[in-house]
Amino acid sequence: MDHIPPYDPAQHGLLPLLARQGRTADWFTTDNGDPYSEPNVARWSAHNAAKTIPFIYQRAVAERPEISQWIATLADQARKTQIARKAPVASVVRGPSLLLLGPTGVGKTYEAHAAIRELAVTGVVARWTMTTAADLYAKLRVRHGVDSEAEFQKFVNATVLLLDDIGAAKISEFTEDINFRLINHRYENGLPTLLTSNVLPKELSARLGDRVASRLNEMCQRVVVTGPDRRRGLAA
């Protein structure tokens, strides 16, 4: 694990995330010389999360309790796996999935990136892969000189996957096939996946296909996000 320089939790908006776990800034900044200690892992994870999270979500803090409950479950399972395998560090390997549903602008993507930040400070390693559904389809279309199947494997086998805005694109044979292969593999292998969608629960089958909707219903806890359009509020 790479050396992480001092990382001020207050400066990066981590104090409320630490408080949820009963942890303090002093705990987070403790370096006992063990690179695999939970505080050192937490700093390393928070530092790396900040490199990939978009600027507007850099200080995101989840407002939905289901997010924190999901994070706690992933972290707990990672620690149990660490003990069973006698591993030096707790890492997310398997776990439940979460589906955030709601209309455009209510904060689903904000909550998703807040989840990444919150999991980072638990002291458990979670190697995220993040994409929007639109970007995923674009990367997987046949192009000269690009092995689309190898590209697909990066997402289908991701340790923890954030798939934003699934169902936003018009359904086609191509998108339906990608959705099914991706979701089915992660469903069968218990790979934790965080999905967001503006599709109404009753429209999941029509927009994603029966096979995908059925697997999402079984593998995911649904969280319906409501409220005003955050983007319009910010624009005003």
Protein backbone atom coordinates (compact mmCIF):
# COMPACT_ATOMS: atom_id res chain seq x y z
CA MET A 1 0.00 0.00 0.00
CA ASP A 2 1.41 3.37 -1.05
CA HIS A 3 2.53 5.87 1.55
CA ILE A 4 -0.10 8.51 2.16
CA PRO A 5 0.96 11.97 3.32
CA PRO A 6 -0.93 13.71 6.12
CA TYR A 7 -4.56 14.09 5.13
CA ASP A 8 -6.70 16.62 7.03
CA PRO A 9 -10.20 15.14 7.50
CA ALA A 10 -11.74 18.53 8.27
CA GLN A 11 -10.36 20.07 5.09
CA HIS A 12 -11.86 17.27 3.01
CA GLY A 13 -15.26 17.16 4.71
CA LEU A 14 -14.73 13.78 6.36
CA LEU A 15 -15.63 14.63 9.95
CA PRO A 16 -19.37 13.84 9.64
CA LEU A 17 -18.52 10.52 7.97
CA LEU A 18 -16.14 9.61 10.77
CA ALA A 19 -18.66 10.68 13.42
CA ARG A 20 -21.21 8.22 12.04
CA GLN A 21 -18.80 5.44 12.91
CA GLY A 22 -17.89 6.82 16.30
CA ARG A 23 -14.45 7.76 14.99
CA THR A 24 -12.55 11.02 15.45
CA ALA A 25 -10.07 13.12 13.50
CA ASP A 26 -7.34 11.90 15.88
CA TRP A 27 -8.15 8.28 14.98
CA PHE A 28 -8.06 9.08 11.27
CA THR A 29 -4.66 10.82 11.44
CA THR A 30 -2.98 8.17 13.64
CA ASP A 31 0.04 6.52 12.03
CA ASN A 32 1.40 3.66 14.14
CA GLY A 33 3.81 2.51 11.46
CA ASP A 34 1.59 -0.36 10.33
CA PRO A 35 0.47 0.33 6.72
CA TYR A 36 -2.45 -2.07 7.21
CA SER A 37 -3.86 -0.47 10.34
CA GLU A 38 -7.43 0.78 9.90
CA PRO A 39 -6.53 4.50 10.22
CA ASN A 40 -3.78 4.18 7.60
CA VAL A 41 -6.08 2.22 5.29
CA ALA A 42 -8.80 4.84 5.81
CA ARG A 43 -6.43 7.68 4.85
CA TRP A 44 -5.17 5.76 1.82
CA SER A 45 -8.74 4.98 0.72
CA ALA A 46 -10.00 8.54 1.23
CA HIS A 47 -7.02 9.93 -0.66
CA ASN A 48 -7.63 7.61 -3.61
CA ALA A 49 -11.39 8.18 -3.60
CA ALA A 50 -10.79 11.92 -3.88
CA LYS A 51 -8.80 11.32 -7.08
CA THR A 52 -11.76 9.73 -8.86
CA ILE A 53 -14.84 11.46 -7.44
CA PRO A 54 -16.02 14.43 -9.57
CA PHE A 55 -15.32 17.86 -8.12
CA ILE A 56 -18.95 18.68 -7.30
CA TYR A 57 -19.25 15.53 -5.14
CA GLN A 58 -15.92 15.91 -3.31
CA ARG A 59 -17.67 16.75 -0.01
CA ALA A 60 -20.79 14.64 -0.47
CA VAL A 61 -22.35 13.18 2.68
CA ALA A 62 -25.16 10.67 2.30
CA GLU A 63 -28.55 11.80 3.56
CA ARG A 64 -30.30 8.43 3.26
CA PRO A 65 -29.79 6.05 6.22
CA GLU A 66 -29.94 3.09 3.85
CA ILE A 67 -26.60 4.22 2.39
CA SER A 68 -24.87 4.08 5.78
CA GLN A 69 -26.49 0.72 6.53
CA TRP A 70 -25.22 -0.67 3.23
CA ILE A 71 -21.71 0.65 3.93
CA ALA A 72 -21.74 -0.91 7.40
CA THR A 73 -22.76 -4.28 5.94
CA LEU A 74 -19.97 -4.22 3.33
CA ALA A 75 -17.38 -3.25 5.92
CA ASP A 76 -18.57 -5.92 8.36
CA GLN A 77 -18.43 -8.63 5.70
CA ALA A 78 -14.95 -7.47 4.64
CA ARG A 79 -13.67 -7.81 8.21
CA LYS A 80 -15.19 -11.29 8.54
CA THR A 81 -13.50 -12.32 5.28
CA GLN A 82 -10.20 -10.90 6.54
CA ILE A 83 -10.42 -13.08 9.66
CA ALA A 84 -11.40 -16.18 7.70
CA ARG A 85 -8.56 -15.73 5.21
CA LYS A 86 -6.06 -14.39 7.76
CA ALA A 87 -5.47 -11.50 5.38
CA PRO A 88 -3.40 -8.45 6.43
CA VAL A 89 -6.18 -6.02 5.50
CA ALA A 90 -9.96 -6.12 5.26
CA SER A 91 -11.10 -5.78 1.64
CA VAL A 92 -14.55 -5.81 0.11
CA VAL A 93 -14.91 -9.01 -1.92
CA ARG A 94 -18.59 -9.97 -1.83
CA GLY A 95 -21.69 -8.24 -0.55
CA PRO A 96 -25.18 -6.93 -1.23
CA SER A 97 -26.12 -4.37 -3.87
CA LEU A 98 -28.12 -1.16 -3.76
CA LEU A 99 -30.45 0.46 -6.34
CA LEU A 100 -31.24 4.16 -5.97
CA LEU A 101 -34.42 5.13 -7.83
CA GLY A 102 -35.89 8.58 -8.34
CA PRO A 103 -36.56 11.33 -10.87
CA THR A 104 -33.81 13.40 -12.42
CA GLY A 105 -32.11 15.88 -10.11
CA VAL A 106 -33.12 14.55 -6.68
CA GLY A 107 -29.57 13.57 -5.69
CA LYS A 108 -29.09 9.92 -6.61
CA THR A 109 -25.60 10.46 -8.04
CA TYR A 110 -24.73 12.66 -5.05
CA GLU A 111 -25.75 9.85 -2.68
CA ALA A 112 -23.76 7.32 -4.72
CA HIS A 113 -20.53 9.31 -4.51
CA ALA A 114 -21.21 9.98 -0.84
CA ALA A 115 -21.29 6.20 -0.39
CA ILE A 116 -17.82 5.92 -1.93
CA ARG A 117 -16.51 8.53 0.51
CA GLU A 118 -18.18 6.91 3.50
CA LEU A 119 -16.88 3.43 2.73
CA ALA A 120 -13.37 4.87 2.31
CA VAL A 121 -13.12 6.03 5.93
CA THR A 122 -14.18 2.71 7.46
CA GLY A 123 -10.62 1.40 7.24
CA VAL A 124 -11.71 -1.26 4.76
CA VAL A 125 -10.29 -1.39 1.23
CA ALA A 126 -12.89 -1.11 -1.55
CA ARG A 127 -11.65 -0.93 -5.13
CA TRP A 128 -14.36 0.93 -7.02
CA THR A 129 -14.99 1.10 -10.74
CA MET A 130 -17.30 3.95 -11.74
CA THR A 131 -19.18 4.66 -14.96
CA THR A 132 -22.45 5.95 -16.31
CA ALA A 133 -24.55 3.56 -18.37
CA ALA A 134 -24.12 5.85 -21.39
CA ASP A 135 -20.32 5.80 -21.06
CA LEU A 136 -20.36 2.03 -20.60
CA TYR A 137 -22.27 1.48 -23.85
CA ALA A 138 -20.00 3.90 -25.70
CA LYS A 139 -16.87 2.08 -24.54
CA LEU A 140 -18.28 -1.30 -25.55
CA ARG A 141 -19.38 -0.47 -29.09
CA VAL A 142 -17.25 -2.13 -31.76
CA ARG A 143 -14.38 0.15 -32.72
CA HIS A 144 -11.24 -0.43 -34.75
CA GLY A 145 -8.29 -1.42 -32.58
CA VAL A 146 -10.35 -1.79 -29.38
CA ASP A 147 -11.04 -5.14 -27.71
CA SER A 148 -14.55 -4.41 -26.45
CA GLU A 149 -14.76 -7.76 -24.64
CA ALA A 150 -11.61 -7.02 -22.64
CA GLU A 151 -13.06 -3.59 -21.87
CA PHE A 152 -16.29 -5.23 -20.70
CA GLN A 153 -14.41 -7.48 -18.27
CA LYS A 154 -13.18 -4.40 -16.38
CA PHE A 155 -16.77 -3.62 -15.44
CA VAL A 156 -18.33 -7.04 -15.12
CA ASN A 157 -15.59 -8.19 -12.70
CA ALA A 158 -15.12 -4.90 -10.82
CA THR A 159 -14.77 -5.46 -7.09
CA VAL A 160 -17.33 -2.74 -6.37
CA LEU A 161 -19.15 -1.13 -9.29
CA LEU A 162 -21.00 2.17 -9.46
CA LEU A 163 -23.29 2.16 -12.51
CA ASP A 164 -25.00 5.52 -12.78
CA ASP A 165 -28.18 6.21 -14.75
CA ILE A 166 -29.05 2.71 -15.94
CA GLY A 167 -32.23 2.76 -18.01
CA ALA A 168 -31.70 6.31 -19.28
CA ALA A 169 -30.78 5.16 -22.78
CA LYS A 170 -33.33 3.77 -25.21
CA ILE A 171 -33.48 0.02 -24.94
CA SER A 172 -31.99 -1.83 -27.89
CA GLU A 173 -30.74 -5.34 -28.50
CA PHE A 174 -27.22 -4.08 -27.80
CA THR A 175 -28.00 -2.30 -24.51
CA GLU A 176 -30.27 -5.09 -23.30
CA ASP A 177 -27.54 -7.65 -23.94
CA ILE A 178 -24.92 -5.56 -22.11
CA ASN A 179 -27.26 -4.95 -19.17
CA PHE A 180 -28.12 -8.63 -18.85
CA ARG A 181 -24.55 -9.93 -19.09
CA LEU A 182 -23.32 -7.35 -16.59
CA ILE A 183 -26.11 -7.71 -14.03
CA ASN A 184 -26.37 -11.48 -14.33
CA HIS A 185 -22.65 -12.00 -13.71
CA ARG A 186 -22.61 -9.70 -10.70
CA TYR A 187 -25.83 -11.26 -9.37
CA GLU A 188 -24.47 -14.81 -9.65
CA ASN A 189 -21.14 -13.92 -8.04
CA GLY A 190 -22.42 -11.68 -5.24
CA LEU A 191 -20.38 -8.69 -6.41
CA PRO A 192 -21.54 -5.49 -4.71
CA THR A 193 -23.03 -3.02 -7.16
CA LEU A 194 -24.43 0.46 -6.58
CA LEU A 195 -26.86 1.50 -9.30
CA THR A 196 -28.87 4.65 -9.89
CA SER A 197 -31.83 5.04 -12.22
CA ASN A 198 -34.61 7.51 -12.94
CA VAL A 199 -36.85 4.64 -14.03
CA LEU A 200 -39.98 4.19 -11.95
CA PRO A 201 -40.08 0.85 -10.08
CA LYS A 202 -43.10 -0.30 -12.08
CA GLU A 203 -41.28 0.49 -15.35
CA LEU A 204 -38.06 -1.43 -14.66
CA SER A 205 -39.07 -4.43 -16.77
CA ALA A 206 -40.17 -2.30 -19.71
CA ARG A 207 -36.97 -0.20 -19.70
CA LEU A 208 -34.39 -2.85 -18.77
CA GLY A 209 -35.99 -6.12 -19.81
CA ASP A 210 -37.64 -8.76 -17.63
CA ARG A 211 -34.44 -10.73 -17.02
CA VAL A 212 -32.49 -7.73 -15.78
CA ALA A 213 -35.36 -6.39 -13.69
CA SER A 214 -35.86 -9.77 -12.04
CA ARG A 215 -32.21 -10.01 -11.00
CA LEU A 216 -32.11 -6.43 -9.76
CA ASN A 217 -35.19 -7.12 -7.63
CA GLU A 218 -33.42 -10.04 -5.98
CA MET A 219 -29.87 -8.71 -5.64
CA CYS A 220 -30.59 -5.09 -4.68
CA GLN A 221 -32.15 -3.24 -1.84
CA ARG A 222 -34.27 -0.51 -3.42
CA VAL A 223 -34.06 3.03 -2.12
CA VAL A 224 -36.49 5.57 -3.56
CA VAL A 225 -34.94 9.05 -3.47
CA THR A 226 -37.42 11.92 -3.45
CA GLY A 227 -37.29 15.68 -3.13
CA PRO A 228 -36.87 18.82 -5.21
CA ASP A 229 -34.55 19.07 -8.19
CA ARG A 230 -31.15 19.91 -6.62
CA ARG A 231 -29.74 21.21 -9.89
CA ARG A 232 -32.50 23.77 -10.36
CA GLY A 233 -32.00 24.91 -6.79
CA LEU A 234 -28.26 25.38 -7.35
CA ALA A 235 -28.91 27.22 -10.62
CA ALA A 236 -31.33 29.57 -8.89
